[in-house]
Amino acid sequence: MWLILLAALLPAVRSAYELDPQKIEGLAKAKVEVRVKAFVTQDIPLYHNLVMKHIPGADPELVLLNHYYKELDRIPLSDMTRVEINDLLAQLGFYKKAQAEDEVPEEFRFSPAKSSPFPEDQAPPTEAPAEAQHPDL
């Protein structure tokens, strides 16, 4: 009986943080402030748009940022395991490469953001116009 009750409560205990989609609208990047050595050394290098910033003495936090580095939210990581942090990043939409040196597929270039920070009509040109090219340089 207790085993069934514990199994029913386990999913609620595993995720200490509830995502608020409105709070993280425009999510594009994050930084991790954490002392979990295995996560820092083995997992962070695999994530696209996730960087580590070490702050001595600070409690570990995942700081969610938009394209313009405006802080959207801070998620405390002190009580989370490596698996829980990886699950949270997957839930947030971060792209995780198989190997650190792998290329990020084009469709995940802006992940976890759902789209480019540039509106379609303001996107930077992929090629310079002919008059902008300087053959003498």
N, C-alpha and C. Protein backbone atom coordinates (compact mmCIF):
# COMPACT_ATOMS: atom_id res chain seq x y z
N MET A 1 0.83 -1.19 0.00
CA MET A 1 0.00 0.00 0.00
C MET A 1 0.87 1.26 0.00
N TRP A 2 1.86 1.33 0.91
CA TRP A 2 2.74 2.50 0.98
C TRP A 2 3.55 2.67 -0.29
N LEU A 3 3.94 1.55 -0.89
CA LEU A 3 4.71 1.60 -2.13
C LEU A 3 3.92 2.26 -3.26
N ILE A 4 2.64 1.94 -3.34
CA ILE A 4 1.78 2.55 -4.36
C ILE A 4 1.63 4.04 -4.11
N LEU A 5 1.43 4.43 -2.85
CA LEU A 5 1.30 5.84 -2.49
C LEU A 5 2.59 6.59 -2.80
N LEU A 6 3.73 6.01 -2.46
CA LEU A 6 5.02 6.63 -2.75
C LEU A 6 5.23 6.77 -4.25
N ALA A 7 4.88 5.75 -5.02
CA ALA A 7 5.02 5.81 -6.47
C ALA A 7 4.12 6.89 -7.07
N ALA A 8 2.96 7.10 -6.48
CA ALA A 8 2.06 8.13 -6.97
C ALA A 8 2.59 9.54 -6.68
N LEU A 9 3.27 9.70 -5.57
CA LEU A 9 3.81 11.01 -5.18
C LEU A 9 5.16 11.32 -5.82
N LEU A 10 5.87 10.31 -6.28
CA LEU A 10 7.22 10.49 -6.81
C LEU A 10 7.29 11.49 -7.95
N PRO A 11 6.42 11.47 -8.96
CA PRO A 11 6.52 12.47 -10.04
C PRO A 11 6.39 13.90 -9.52
N ALA A 12 5.58 14.13 -8.51
CA ALA A 12 5.43 15.47 -7.96
C ALA A 12 6.70 15.90 -7.22
N VAL A 13 7.38 14.98 -6.59
CA VAL A 13 8.60 15.30 -5.85
C VAL A 13 9.77 15.52 -6.79
N ARG A 14 9.84 14.79 -7.91
CA ARG A 14 10.98 14.88 -8.83
C ARG A 14 11.17 16.27 -9.40
N SER A 15 10.12 16.99 -9.71
CA SER A 15 10.25 18.31 -10.28
C SER A 15 9.85 19.34 -9.25
N ALA A 16 10.82 19.99 -8.66
CA ALA A 16 10.56 20.98 -7.63
C ALA A 16 10.15 22.32 -8.24
N TYR A 17 10.26 22.46 -9.53
CA TYR A 17 9.98 23.73 -10.20
C TYR A 17 8.84 23.56 -11.19
N GLU A 18 7.85 24.43 -11.09
CA GLU A 18 6.74 24.43 -12.04
C GLU A 18 7.00 25.48 -13.10
N LEU A 19 6.98 25.09 -14.36
CA LEU A 19 7.20 26.04 -15.45
C LEU A 19 5.98 26.93 -15.64
N ASP A 20 6.23 28.23 -15.77
CA ASP A 20 5.18 29.19 -16.06
C ASP A 20 5.45 29.69 -17.48
N PRO A 21 4.69 29.20 -18.48
CA PRO A 21 4.96 29.57 -19.87
C PRO A 21 4.94 31.07 -20.12
N GLN A 22 4.11 31.82 -19.41
CA GLN A 22 4.07 33.27 -19.59
C GLN A 22 5.34 33.93 -19.08
N LYS A 23 5.90 33.40 -18.02
CA LYS A 23 7.10 34.00 -17.43
C LYS A 23 8.33 33.83 -18.31
N ILE A 24 8.35 32.76 -19.10
CA ILE A 24 9.54 32.49 -19.92
C ILE A 24 9.30 32.75 -21.40
N GLU A 25 8.27 33.52 -21.73
CA GLU A 25 8.03 33.85 -23.14
C GLU A 25 9.22 34.62 -23.68
N GLY A 26 9.72 34.21 -24.83
CA GLY A 26 10.89 34.84 -25.42
C GLY A 26 12.18 34.18 -24.98
N LEU A 27 12.11 33.03 -24.31
CA LEU A 27 13.30 32.33 -23.83
C LEU A 27 14.23 32.01 -24.99
N ALA A 28 15.51 32.36 -24.84
CA ALA A 28 16.48 32.12 -25.90
C ALA A 28 17.77 31.53 -25.37
N LYS A 29 18.14 31.83 -24.16
CA LYS A 29 19.42 31.39 -23.61
C LYS A 29 19.25 31.15 -22.12
N ALA A 30 20.25 30.56 -21.53
CA ALA A 30 20.27 30.39 -20.08
C ALA A 30 21.70 30.27 -19.64
N LYS A 31 21.94 30.52 -18.39
CA LYS A 31 23.24 30.23 -17.81
C LYS A 31 23.00 29.42 -16.56
N VAL A 32 23.92 28.55 -16.24
CA VAL A 32 23.79 27.67 -15.10
C VAL A 32 24.82 28.07 -14.05
N GLU A 33 24.33 28.25 -12.85
CA GLU A 33 25.21 28.51 -11.73
C GLU A 33 25.00 27.34 -10.77
N VAL A 34 25.90 26.35 -10.84
CA VAL A 34 25.68 25.09 -10.12
C VAL A 34 27.00 24.48 -9.66
N ARG A 35 26.97 23.73 -8.56
CA ARG A 35 28.15 23.05 -8.05
C ARG A 35 28.13 21.56 -8.35
N VAL A 36 27.21 21.09 -9.15
CA VAL A 36 27.11 19.67 -9.48
C VAL A 36 28.19 19.37 -10.53
N LYS A 37 29.29 18.83 -10.08
CA LYS A 37 30.46 18.67 -10.94
C LYS A 37 30.17 17.83 -12.19
N ALA A 38 29.48 16.71 -12.05
CA ALA A 38 29.20 15.86 -13.21
C ALA A 38 28.35 16.60 -14.24
N PHE A 39 27.36 17.34 -13.78
CA PHE A 39 26.52 18.09 -14.71
C PHE A 39 27.34 19.16 -15.41
N VAL A 40 28.14 19.88 -14.64
CA VAL A 40 28.95 20.97 -15.19
C VAL A 40 29.97 20.46 -16.20
N THR A 41 30.68 19.42 -15.86
CA THR A 41 31.76 18.95 -16.72
C THR A 41 31.29 18.08 -17.88
N GLN A 42 30.20 17.33 -17.71
CA GLN A 42 29.78 16.38 -18.73
C GLN A 42 28.56 16.82 -19.53
N ASP A 43 27.65 17.56 -18.92
CA ASP A 43 26.39 17.88 -19.60
C ASP A 43 26.37 19.28 -20.22
N ILE A 44 26.83 20.28 -19.51
CA ILE A 44 26.76 21.65 -20.04
C ILE A 44 27.41 21.77 -21.42
N PRO A 45 28.57 21.16 -21.68
CA PRO A 45 29.16 21.30 -23.03
C PRO A 45 28.29 20.74 -24.16
N LEU A 46 27.32 19.91 -23.83
CA LEU A 46 26.45 19.32 -24.85
C LEU A 46 25.26 20.20 -25.21
N TYR A 47 24.95 21.17 -24.37
CA TYR A 47 23.77 22.01 -24.59
C TYR A 47 24.09 23.24 -25.41
N HIS A 48 23.19 23.52 -26.36
CA HIS A 48 23.29 24.72 -27.19
C HIS A 48 22.61 25.88 -26.45
N ASN A 49 23.25 27.05 -26.45
CA ASN A 49 22.74 28.26 -25.81
C ASN A 49 22.64 28.13 -24.29
N LEU A 50 23.56 27.38 -23.71
CA LEU A 50 23.64 27.25 -22.26
C LEU A 50 25.10 27.42 -21.87
N VAL A 51 25.37 28.39 -21.03
CA VAL A 51 26.74 28.65 -20.60
C VAL A 51 26.82 28.61 -19.09
N MET A 52 28.00 28.29 -18.60
CA MET A 52 28.25 28.21 -17.16
C MET A 52 28.93 29.49 -16.70
N LYS A 53 28.42 30.06 -15.65
CA LYS A 53 29.06 31.21 -15.02
C LYS A 53 29.26 30.85 -13.55
N HIS A 54 30.51 30.67 -13.17
CA HIS A 54 30.82 30.29 -11.80
C HIS A 54 30.87 31.54 -10.91
N ILE A 55 30.09 31.52 -9.85
CA ILE A 55 30.09 32.60 -8.87
C ILE A 55 30.38 31.95 -7.52
N PRO A 56 31.61 32.12 -7.03
CA PRO A 56 31.98 31.49 -5.76
C PRO A 56 31.01 31.86 -4.63
N GLY A 57 30.55 30.85 -3.91
CA GLY A 57 29.68 31.05 -2.77
C GLY A 57 28.21 31.21 -3.10
N ALA A 58 27.86 31.36 -4.38
CA ALA A 58 26.46 31.54 -4.76
C ALA A 58 25.75 30.19 -4.83
N ASP A 59 24.48 30.20 -4.49
CA ASP A 59 23.67 29.00 -4.64
C ASP A 59 23.48 28.74 -6.13
N PRO A 60 23.50 27.47 -6.56
CA PRO A 60 23.35 27.17 -7.98
C PRO A 60 21.96 27.54 -8.49
N GLU A 61 21.94 28.22 -9.63
CA GLU A 61 20.69 28.65 -10.25
C GLU A 61 20.78 28.53 -11.76
N LEU A 62 19.65 28.28 -12.38
CA LEU A 62 19.52 28.35 -13.82
C LEU A 62 18.85 29.69 -14.09
N VAL A 63 19.56 30.58 -14.78
CA VAL A 63 19.03 31.91 -15.07
C VAL A 63 18.56 31.91 -16.51
N LEU A 64 17.27 32.13 -16.72
CA LEU A 64 16.68 32.11 -18.05
C LEU A 64 16.68 33.53 -18.63
N LEU A 65 17.16 33.64 -19.87
CA LEU A 65 17.32 34.94 -20.52
C LEU A 65 16.61 34.97 -21.86
N ASN A 66 16.21 36.16 -22.31
CA ASN A 66 15.67 36.27 -23.65
C ASN A 66 16.81 36.60 -24.61
N HIS A 67 16.49 36.87 -25.88
CA HIS A 67 17.52 37.14 -26.88
C HIS A 67 18.38 38.35 -26.53
N TYR A 68 17.82 39.26 -25.77
CA TYR A 68 18.53 40.50 -25.43
C TYR A 68 19.13 40.45 -24.03
N TYR A 69 19.28 39.24 -23.50
CA TYR A 69 19.89 38.97 -22.19
C TYR A 69 19.09 39.57 -21.04
N LYS A 70 17.81 39.82 -21.24
CA LYS A 70 16.95 40.26 -20.16
C LYS A 70 16.58 39.01 -19.36
N GLU A 71 16.72 39.09 -18.06
CA GLU A 71 16.42 37.95 -17.20
C GLU A 71 14.92 37.71 -17.15
N LEU A 72 14.53 36.46 -17.42
CA LEU A 72 13.12 36.07 -17.40
C LEU A 72 12.75 35.37 -16.10
N ASP A 73 13.67 34.55 -15.59
CA ASP A 73 13.39 33.77 -14.39
C ASP A 73 14.68 33.19 -13.85
N ARG A 74 14.67 32.84 -12.58
CA ARG A 74 15.78 32.14 -11.91
C ARG A 74 15.22 30.88 -11.27
N ILE A 75 15.84 29.76 -11.57
CA ILE A 75 15.39 28.48 -11.04
C ILE A 75 16.47 27.95 -10.10
N PRO A 76 16.16 27.79 -8.82
CA PRO A 76 17.15 27.23 -7.89
C PRO A 76 17.43 25.76 -8.22
N LEU A 77 18.71 25.40 -8.25
CA LEU A 77 19.10 24.03 -8.60
C LEU A 77 19.68 23.25 -7.41
N SER A 78 19.77 23.89 -6.26
CA SER A 78 20.41 23.27 -5.10
C SER A 78 19.84 21.91 -4.75
N ASP A 79 18.54 21.77 -4.83
CA ASP A 79 17.89 20.53 -4.41
C ASP A 79 17.62 19.57 -5.56
N MET A 80 18.14 19.89 -6.74
CA MET A 80 17.88 19.05 -7.91
C MET A 80 19.07 18.15 -8.21
N THR A 81 18.78 16.96 -8.74
CA THR A 81 19.83 16.04 -9.15
C THR A 81 20.23 16.35 -10.59
N ARG A 82 21.28 15.72 -11.03
CA ARG A 82 21.75 15.86 -12.41
C ARG A 82 20.65 15.47 -13.40
N VAL A 83 19.98 14.37 -13.11
CA VAL A 83 18.89 13.89 -13.98
C VAL A 83 17.75 14.90 -14.01
N GLU A 84 17.40 15.45 -12.87
CA GLU A 84 16.31 16.44 -12.81
C GLU A 84 16.67 17.70 -13.59
N ILE A 85 17.91 18.14 -13.50
CA ILE A 85 18.34 19.33 -14.24
C ILE A 85 18.27 19.06 -15.74
N ASN A 86 18.76 17.90 -16.17
CA ASN A 86 18.67 17.54 -17.59
C ASN A 86 17.23 17.45 -18.05
N ASP A 87 16.35 16.89 -17.23
CA ASP A 87 14.93 16.81 -17.56
C ASP A 87 14.32 18.21 -17.70
N LEU A 88 14.69 19.09 -16.79
CA LEU A 88 14.19 20.47 -16.84
C LEU A 88 14.63 21.17 -18.12
N LEU A 89 15.90 21.01 -18.48
CA LEU A 89 16.41 21.64 -19.71
C LEU A 89 15.69 21.09 -20.94
N ALA A 90 15.40 19.80 -20.95
CA ALA A 90 14.65 19.21 -22.06
C ALA A 90 13.23 19.78 -22.10
N GLN A 91 12.63 19.93 -20.94
CA GLN A 91 11.28 20.49 -20.85
C GLN A 91 11.27 21.95 -21.33
N LEU A 92 12.35 22.69 -21.08
CA LEU A 92 12.45 24.08 -21.52
C LEU A 92 12.72 24.19 -23.02
N GLY A 93 13.16 23.09 -23.64
CA GLY A 93 13.39 23.10 -25.09
C GLY A 93 14.83 23.29 -25.50
N PHE A 94 15.79 23.11 -24.59
CA PHE A 94 17.19 23.25 -24.95
C PHE A 94 17.62 22.06 -25.81
N TYR A 95 18.43 22.34 -26.83
CA TYR A 95 18.94 21.29 -27.71
C TYR A 95 20.20 20.70 -27.09
N LYS A 96 20.23 19.37 -26.97
CA LYS A 96 21.39 18.67 -26.41
C LYS A 96 22.03 17.83 -27.51
N LYS A 97 23.30 18.12 -27.78
CA LYS A 97 24.05 17.39 -28.80
C LYS A 97 24.51 16.04 -28.23
N ALA A 98 24.77 15.10 -29.10
CA ALA A 98 25.29 13.80 -28.67
C ALA A 98 26.75 13.94 -28.22
N GLN A 99 27.52 14.74 -28.94
CA GLN A 99 28.93 15.01 -28.63
C GLN A 99 29.14 16.52 -28.62
N ALA A 100 30.03 17.00 -27.79
CA ALA A 100 30.26 18.44 -27.67
C ALA A 100 30.68 19.08 -28.99
N GLU A 101 31.41 18.34 -29.82
CA GLU A 101 31.90 18.90 -31.08
C GLU A 101 30.88 18.81 -32.22
N ASP A 102 29.74 18.19 -31.99
CA ASP A 102 28.71 18.08 -33.03
C ASP A 102 28.16 19.46 -33.39
N GLU A 103 27.73 19.58 -34.65
CA GLU A 103 27.09 20.82 -35.12
C GLU A 103 25.64 20.83 -34.65
N VAL A 104 25.12 22.02 -34.46
CA VAL A 104 23.72 22.19 -34.10
C VAL A 104 22.91 22.28 -35.39
N PRO A 105 21.91 21.43 -35.58
CA PRO A 105 21.09 21.51 -36.79
C PRO A 105 20.43 22.90 -36.91
N GLU A 106 20.25 23.35 -38.13
CA GLU A 106 19.71 24.69 -38.41
C GLU A 106 18.38 24.93 -37.68
N GLU A 107 17.52 23.91 -37.62
CA GLU A 107 16.21 24.11 -37.00
C GLU A 107 16.30 24.33 -35.48
N PHE A 108 17.46 24.04 -34.88
CA PHE A 108 17.65 24.25 -33.45
C PHE A 108 18.60 25.41 -33.15
N ARG A 109 18.95 26.18 -34.17
CA ARG A 109 19.93 27.26 -34.01
C ARG A 109 19.53 28.27 -32.95
N PHE A 110 18.26 28.57 -32.82
CA PHE A 110 17.81 29.55 -31.85
C PHE A 110 17.22 28.91 -30.60
N SER A 111 17.25 27.59 -30.49
CA SER A 111 16.62 26.92 -29.35
C SER A 111 17.31 27.35 -28.05
N PRO A 112 16.55 27.47 -27.00
CA PRO A 112 15.17 27.02 -26.85
C PRO A 112 14.12 27.97 -27.40
N ALA A 113 14.54 29.12 -27.93
CA ALA A 113 13.57 30.03 -28.54
C ALA A 113 12.89 29.32 -29.70
N LYS A 114 11.67 29.63 -29.92
CA LYS A 114 10.91 28.97 -30.98
C LYS A 114 11.20 29.57 -32.35
N SER A 115 11.83 30.77 -32.37
CA SER A 115 12.10 31.41 -33.65
C SER A 115 13.29 32.36 -33.52
N SER A 116 13.66 32.93 -34.63
CA SER A 116 14.74 33.90 -34.68
C SER A 116 14.36 35.17 -33.92
N PRO A 117 15.33 35.87 -33.36
CA PRO A 117 15.02 37.13 -32.69
C PRO A 117 14.71 38.24 -33.69
N PHE A 118 14.97 38.00 -34.97
CA PHE A 118 14.75 39.00 -36.01
C PHE A 118 13.44 38.71 -36.72
N PRO A 119 12.57 39.72 -36.85
CA PRO A 119 11.36 39.51 -37.66
C PRO A 119 11.77 39.17 -39.09
N GLU A 120 10.92 38.46 -39.79
CA GLU A 120 11.23 38.01 -41.16
C GLU A 120 11.71 39.16 -42.04
N ASP A 121 11.07 40.34 -41.91
CA ASP A 121 11.44 41.45 -42.77
C ASP A 121 12.71 42.17 -42.31
N GLN A 122 13.21 41.83 -41.11
CA GLN A 122 14.42 42.47 -40.61
C GLN A 122 15.58 41.49 -40.45
N ALA A 123 15.41 40.28 -40.93
CA ALA A 123 16.47 39.28 -40.79
C ALA A 123 17.72 39.74 -41.53
N PRO A 124 18.89 39.51 -40.94
CA PRO A 124 20.13 39.90 -41.62
C PRO A 124 20.28 39.17 -42.94
N PRO A 125 20.75 39.83 -43.99
CA PRO A 125 20.87 39.16 -45.29
C PRO A 125 21.91 38.04 -45.23
N THR A 126 21.63 36.99 -45.99
CA THR A 126 22.57 35.87 -46.03
C THR A 126 23.73 36.17 -46.97
N GLU A 127 23.50 37.00 -47.98
CA GLU A 127 24.56 37.41 -48.91
C GLU A 127 24.54 38.91 -49.06
N ALA A 128 25.72 39.50 -49.20
CA ALA A 128 25.79 40.94 -49.41
C ALA A 128 25.33 41.26 -50.83
N PRO A 129 24.57 42.35 -51.01
CA PRO A 129 24.18 42.74 -52.37
C PRO A 129 25.42 43.05 -53.22
N ALA A 130 25.27 42.95 -54.54
CA ALA A 130 26.40 43.13 -55.47
C ALA A 130 27.07 44.50 -55.29
N GLU A 131 26.27 45.55 -55.04
CA GLU A 131 26.88 46.88 -54.89
C GLU A 131 27.66 47.03 -53.58
N ALA A 132 27.39 46.14 -52.61
CA ALA A 132 28.10 46.22 -51.35
C ALA A 132 29.43 45.45 -51.39
N GLN A 133 29.62 44.63 -52.39
CA GLN A 133 30.87 43.87 -52.48
C GLN A 133 31.98 44.78 -53.01
N HIS A 134 33.16 44.61 -52.48
CA HIS A 134 34.30 45.44 -52.84
C HIS A 134 35.38 44.56 -53.48
N PRO A 135 35.45 44.50 -54.81
CA PRO A 135 36.41 43.64 -55.47
C PRO A 135 37.86 44.09 -55.25
N ASP A 136 38.05 45.37 -54.88
CA ASP A 136 39.41 45.85 -54.69
C ASP A 136 39.96 45.52 -53.30
N LEU A 137 39.17 44.93 -52.43
CA LEU A 137 39.65 44.60 -51.08
C LEU A 137 40.15 43.20 -50.99
